Structure formats: structure tokens, C-alpha cells
């Protein structure tokens, strides 16, 4: 699972496929609300805001 900015979505997809050998689902963090989890505010690879959950 990766929380990334739009710039790093492709990198996160590649890493997910390498690790799990399956295509991930992409979740827009701007429009999705989670009841039991608060997503990080920052991208895992840079200082930009996390916008996409790759899971």
C-alpha cells in the first residue's frame, strides 16, 4: 500500500506489481473517507500532498 502524489503514481504501481504480482486498485484520497484509518498527508517519496492510495 502506497500513499503518493500524482507525480509518483506510476512508480507506486510498478512497485506494487513487482511486490504482489497483481494490478493494484487506485483510490482518490481527496474524495474518499475512511472510518478507521487516517491516510498520511504527505507522499511517500516527496514532500507533495498524498492524493492517491495504491492498494
N, C-alpha and C. Protein backbone atom coordinates (compact mmCIF):
# COMPACT_ATOMS: atom_id res chain seq x y z
N UNK A 1 0.86 -1.17 0.00
CA UNK A 1 0.00 0.00 0.00
C UNK A 1 0.89 1.23 0.00
N UNK A 2 0.60 2.15 -0.89
CA UNK A 2 1.38 3.38 -1.02
C UNK A 2 0.44 4.57 -1.09
N UNK A 3 0.77 5.63 -0.37
CA UNK A 3 0.06 6.91 -0.46
C UNK A 3 1.00 7.87 -1.16
N UNK A 4 0.61 8.30 -2.34
CA UNK A 4 1.53 9.08 -3.17
C UNK A 4 0.85 10.28 -3.81
N UNK A 5 1.68 11.21 -4.29
CA UNK A 5 1.18 12.33 -5.08
C UNK A 5 0.95 11.84 -6.51
N UNK A 6 0.33 12.66 -7.32
CA UNK A 6 0.04 12.25 -8.70
C UNK A 6 1.32 11.97 -9.49
N UNK A 7 2.38 12.68 -9.17
CA UNK A 7 3.66 12.52 -9.86
C UNK A 7 4.26 11.12 -9.65
N UNK A 8 3.99 10.50 -8.52
CA UNK A 8 4.60 9.22 -8.19
C UNK A 8 3.65 8.02 -8.31
N UNK A 9 2.50 8.21 -8.92
CA UNK A 9 1.53 7.11 -9.07
C UNK A 9 2.13 5.97 -9.89
N UNK A 10 2.78 6.29 -10.99
CA UNK A 10 3.35 5.25 -11.85
C UNK A 10 4.42 4.45 -11.11
N UNK A 11 5.26 5.11 -10.35
CA UNK A 11 6.29 4.43 -9.56
C UNK A 11 5.64 3.50 -8.53
N UNK A 12 4.60 3.97 -7.86
CA UNK A 12 3.91 3.16 -6.86
C UNK A 12 3.25 1.94 -7.51
N UNK A 13 2.66 2.11 -8.68
CA UNK A 13 2.04 0.99 -9.39
C UNK A 13 3.11 -0.05 -9.74
N UNK A 14 4.25 0.41 -10.27
CA UNK A 14 5.34 -0.50 -10.62
C UNK A 14 5.82 -1.28 -9.41
N UNK A 15 6.02 -0.61 -8.29
CA UNK A 15 6.49 -1.27 -7.07
C UNK A 15 5.45 -2.27 -6.56
N UNK A 16 4.18 -1.89 -6.63
CA UNK A 16 3.11 -2.78 -6.18
C UNK A 16 3.09 -4.05 -7.03
N UNK A 17 3.16 -3.90 -8.34
CA UNK A 17 3.13 -5.06 -9.24
C UNK A 17 4.36 -5.94 -9.01
N UNK A 18 5.52 -5.33 -8.81
CA UNK A 18 6.73 -6.11 -8.53
C UNK A 18 6.58 -6.93 -7.25
N UNK A 19 5.98 -6.32 -6.24
CA UNK A 19 5.86 -6.98 -4.94
C UNK A 19 4.76 -8.03 -4.89
N UNK A 20 3.58 -7.70 -5.44
CA UNK A 20 2.41 -8.58 -5.30
C UNK A 20 2.05 -9.34 -6.58
N UNK A 21 2.68 -9.01 -7.69
CA UNK A 21 2.41 -9.65 -8.98
C UNK A 21 0.93 -9.60 -9.35
N UNK A 22 0.32 -8.46 -9.06
CA UNK A 22 -1.09 -8.23 -9.37
C UNK A 22 -1.29 -6.74 -9.58
N UNK A 23 -2.32 -6.38 -10.32
CA UNK A 23 -2.62 -4.97 -10.56
C UNK A 23 -3.26 -4.36 -9.31
N UNK A 24 -2.85 -3.16 -8.94
CA UNK A 24 -3.43 -2.52 -7.75
C UNK A 24 -4.73 -1.79 -8.07
N UNK A 25 -5.43 -1.45 -7.02
CA UNK A 25 -6.56 -0.53 -7.12
C UNK A 25 -6.04 0.86 -6.77
N UNK A 26 -6.60 1.87 -7.40
CA UNK A 26 -6.22 3.26 -7.11
C UNK A 26 -7.41 3.95 -6.47
N UNK A 27 -7.16 4.60 -5.33
CA UNK A 27 -8.21 5.29 -4.60
C UNK A 27 -7.84 6.76 -4.48
N UNK A 28 -8.75 7.62 -4.88
CA UNK A 28 -8.53 9.06 -4.76
C UNK A 28 -8.71 9.47 -3.30
N UNK A 29 -7.65 9.94 -2.68
CA UNK A 29 -7.71 10.31 -1.26
C UNK A 29 -8.44 11.63 -1.03
N UNK A 30 -8.67 12.39 -2.09
CA UNK A 30 -9.37 13.66 -1.97
C UNK A 30 -10.88 13.47 -1.84
N UNK A 31 -11.38 12.33 -2.33
CA UNK A 31 -12.83 12.12 -2.34
C UNK A 31 -13.28 10.93 -1.50
N UNK A 32 -12.34 10.20 -0.91
CA UNK A 32 -12.67 9.00 -0.14
C UNK A 32 -12.45 9.26 1.34
N UNK A 33 -13.41 8.82 2.17
CA UNK A 33 -13.30 8.96 3.62
C UNK A 33 -13.21 7.57 4.22
N UNK A 34 -12.25 7.39 5.10
CA UNK A 34 -12.05 6.11 5.78
C UNK A 34 -12.52 6.24 7.22
N UNK A 35 -13.23 5.25 7.72
CA UNK A 35 -13.76 5.33 9.08
C UNK A 35 -12.74 4.92 10.13
N UNK A 36 -11.82 4.02 9.81
CA UNK A 36 -10.90 3.51 10.82
C UNK A 36 -9.43 3.77 10.49
N UNK A 37 -9.15 4.65 9.51
CA UNK A 37 -7.77 4.90 9.12
C UNK A 37 -7.65 6.33 8.61
N UNK A 38 -6.60 7.00 9.02
CA UNK A 38 -6.31 8.35 8.53
C UNK A 38 -5.10 8.27 7.62
N UNK A 39 -5.27 8.57 6.34
CA UNK A 39 -4.13 8.47 5.41
C UNK A 39 -3.10 9.55 5.71
N UNK A 40 -1.85 9.29 5.39
CA UNK A 40 -0.81 10.30 5.59
C UNK A 40 -1.07 11.52 4.70
N UNK A 41 -0.62 12.64 5.14
CA UNK A 41 -0.82 13.88 4.39
C UNK A 41 0.23 14.06 3.29
N UNK A 42 1.34 13.36 3.40
CA UNK A 42 2.48 13.57 2.51
C UNK A 42 2.78 12.32 1.69
N UNK A 43 3.22 12.53 0.46
CA UNK A 43 3.65 11.46 -0.43
C UNK A 43 4.79 10.68 0.21
N UNK A 44 4.84 9.38 -0.07
CA UNK A 44 5.91 8.54 0.49
C UNK A 44 7.28 8.84 -0.10
N UNK A 45 7.33 9.48 -1.29
CA UNK A 45 8.60 9.71 -1.95
C UNK A 45 8.98 11.17 -2.12
N UNK A 46 8.13 12.09 -1.72
CA UNK A 46 8.48 13.51 -1.83
C UNK A 46 7.68 14.31 -0.80
N UNK A 47 7.78 15.61 -0.87
CA UNK A 47 7.12 16.50 0.09
C UNK A 47 5.70 16.90 -0.33
N UNK A 48 5.27 16.47 -1.51
CA UNK A 48 3.94 16.85 -2.00
C UNK A 48 2.83 16.13 -1.22
N UNK A 49 1.62 16.66 -1.34
CA UNK A 49 0.47 16.06 -0.66
C UNK A 49 0.13 14.71 -1.28
N UNK A 50 -0.20 13.76 -0.43
CA UNK A 50 -0.63 12.44 -0.91
C UNK A 50 -2.04 12.57 -1.48
N UNK A 51 -2.23 12.14 -2.71
CA UNK A 51 -3.51 12.27 -3.39
C UNK A 51 -4.11 10.92 -3.79
N UNK A 52 -3.26 9.89 -3.90
CA UNK A 52 -3.71 8.60 -4.41
C UNK A 52 -3.22 7.49 -3.50
N UNK A 53 -4.12 6.57 -3.18
CA UNK A 53 -3.77 5.37 -2.43
C UNK A 53 -3.67 4.23 -3.44
N UNK A 54 -2.52 3.59 -3.50
CA UNK A 54 -2.29 2.45 -4.38
C UNK A 54 -2.33 1.21 -3.50
N UNK A 55 -3.37 0.39 -3.71
CA UNK A 55 -3.58 -0.75 -2.83
C UNK A 55 -4.09 -1.96 -3.61
